[in-house]
Amino acid sequence: MSKIVPFPIGKKTAAQSIPREEFEQLAELALDIVDRIVAILDEGDGDPDREDGGDAEPSLGAPENPHGS
């Protein structure tokens, strides 16, 4: 990164309203950037759907316990 912009500490900034059309464009741009970052990370990992433990993850529901839970 060529420029680091420090976060303003103790400085209160007033939010400015922007037109809805501009907000929608900025939101779309942010989503595109996130999609690109995810794609880059997936490329670095190889198969994006493969996990280290495979299907060895615990169930999202209650644990299986035949003696009661």
C-alpha atoms as a PDB file:
ATOM      1  CA  MET A   1       0.000   0.000   0.000  1.00  0.00           C
ATOM      2  CA  SER A   2       1.441   3.285  -1.003  1.00  0.00           C
ATOM      3  CA  LYS A   3      -0.620   5.515   1.284  1.00  0.00           C
ATOM      4  CA  ILE A   4      -1.740   4.927   4.824  1.00  0.00           C
ATOM      5  CA  VAL A   5      -4.539   7.171   6.001  1.00  0.00           C
ATOM      6  CA  PRO A   6      -4.693   7.354   9.794  1.00  0.00           C
ATOM      7  CA  PHE A   7      -8.053   6.975  11.469  1.00  0.00           C
ATOM      8  CA  PRO A   8      -9.041  10.294  13.030  1.00  0.00           C
ATOM      9  CA  ILE A   9      -8.897   9.864  16.800  1.00  0.00           C
ATOM     10  CA  GLY A  10     -11.121  12.098  18.859  1.00  0.00           C
ATOM     11  CA  LYS A  11     -12.215  14.001  15.777  1.00  0.00           C
ATOM     12  CA  LYS A  12     -15.924  13.907  15.146  1.00  0.00           C
ATOM     13  CA  THR A  13     -17.014  14.018  11.545  1.00  0.00           C
ATOM     14  CA  ALA A  14     -20.525  14.764  10.449  1.00  0.00           C
ATOM     15  CA  ALA A  15     -22.088  12.338   8.026  1.00  0.00           C
ATOM     16  CA  GLN A  16     -22.954  13.887   4.710  1.00  0.00           C
ATOM     17  CA  SER A  17     -25.975  12.768   2.795  1.00  0.00           C
ATOM     18  CA  ILE A  18     -25.403  11.592  -0.746  1.00  0.00           C
ATOM     19  CA  PRO A  19     -27.924  10.948  -3.493  1.00  0.00           C
ATOM     20  CA  ARG A  20     -29.387   7.431  -3.534  1.00  0.00           C
ATOM     21  CA  GLU A  21     -28.032   6.809  -7.041  1.00  0.00           C
ATOM     22  CA  GLU A  22     -24.481   7.567  -5.908  1.00  0.00           C
ATOM     23  CA  PHE A  23     -24.932   5.378  -2.820  1.00  0.00           C
ATOM     24  CA  GLU A  24     -26.101   2.473  -4.976  1.00  0.00           C
ATOM     25  CA  GLN A  25     -23.072   2.894  -7.249  1.00  0.00           C
ATOM     26  CA  LEU A  26     -20.727   2.895  -4.253  1.00  0.00           C
ATOM     27  CA  ALA A  27     -22.442  -0.168  -2.774  1.00  0.00           C
ATOM     28  CA  GLU A  28     -22.107  -2.004  -6.102  1.00  0.00           C
ATOM     29  CA  LEU A  29     -18.423  -1.057  -6.269  1.00  0.00           C
ATOM     30  CA  ALA A  30     -17.880  -2.369  -2.726  1.00  0.00           C
ATOM     31  CA  LEU A  31     -19.553  -5.682  -3.622  1.00  0.00           C
ATOM     32  CA  ASP A  32     -17.404  -5.999  -6.749  1.00  0.00           C
ATOM     33  CA  ILE A  33     -14.258  -5.433  -4.692  1.00  0.00           C
ATOM     34  CA  VAL A  34     -15.312  -8.081  -2.166  1.00  0.00           C
ATOM     35  CA  ASP A  35     -16.011 -10.542  -5.012  1.00  0.00           C
ATOM     36  CA  ARG A  36     -12.535  -9.907  -6.432  1.00  0.00           C
ATOM     37  CA  ILE A  37     -10.876 -10.401  -3.042  1.00  0.00           C
ATOM     38  CA  VAL A  38     -12.728 -13.686  -2.516  1.00  0.00           C
ATOM     39  CA  ALA A  39     -11.724 -14.846  -6.002  1.00  0.00           C
ATOM     40  CA  ILE A  40      -8.059 -14.022  -5.314  1.00  0.00           C
ATOM     41  CA  LEU A  41      -8.161 -15.892  -2.001  1.00  0.00           C
ATOM     42  CA  ASP A  42      -9.850 -18.885  -3.649  1.00  0.00           C
ATOM     43  CA  GLU A  43      -7.177 -19.007  -6.356  1.00  0.00           C
ATOM     44  CA  GLY A  44      -4.459 -19.101  -3.702  1.00  0.00           C
ATOM     45  CA  ASP A  45      -6.132 -21.980  -1.874  1.00  0.00           C
ATOM     46  CA  GLY A  46      -6.673 -24.186  -4.900  1.00  0.00           C
ATOM     47  CA  ASP A  47     -10.092 -25.797  -4.722  1.00  0.00           C
ATOM     48  CA  PRO A  48     -12.308 -23.256  -2.908  1.00  0.00           C
ATOM     49  CA  ASP A  49     -14.767 -25.978  -1.850  1.00  0.00           C
ATOM     50  CA  ARG A  50     -12.211 -28.323  -0.320  1.00  0.00           C
ATOM     51  CA  GLU A  51     -11.584 -28.044   3.390  1.00  0.00           C
ATOM     52  CA  ASP A  52      -8.672 -29.382   5.414  1.00  0.00           C
ATOM     53  CA  GLY A  53     -10.797 -31.796   7.428  1.00  0.00           C
ATOM     54  CA  GLY A  54     -13.162 -32.721   4.631  1.00  0.00           C
ATOM     55  CA  ASP A  55     -16.515 -33.595   6.134  1.00  0.00           C
ATOM     56  CA  ALA A  56     -15.086 -34.125   9.620  1.00  0.00           C
ATOM     57  CA  GLU A  57     -16.817 -31.023  10.949  1.00  0.00           C
ATOM     58  CA  PRO A  58     -19.264 -31.409  13.821  1.00  0.00           C
ATOM     59  CA  SER A  59     -22.943 -31.137  13.086  1.00  0.00           C
ATOM     60  CA  LEU A  60     -24.506 -27.713  13.368  1.00  0.00           C
ATOM     61  CA  GLY A  61     -27.356 -29.225  15.368  1.00  0.00           C
ATOM     62  CA  ALA A  62     -27.307 -30.814  18.798  1.00  0.00           C
ATOM     63  CA  PRO A  63     -24.545 -33.377  19.339  1.00  0.00           C
ATOM     64  CA  GLU A  64     -25.543 -36.980  18.809  1.00  0.00           C
ATOM     65  CA  ASN A  65     -25.681 -38.705  22.153  1.00  0.00           C
ATOM     66  CA  PRO A  66     -27.666 -41.940  22.440  1.00  0.00           C
ATOM     67  CA  HIS A  67     -27.710 -41.647  26.259  1.00  0.00           C
ATOM     68  CA  GLY A  68     -29.386 -38.258  26.278  1.00  0.00           C
ATOM     69  CA  SER A  69     -28.193 -34.778  25.524  1.00  0.00           C
END
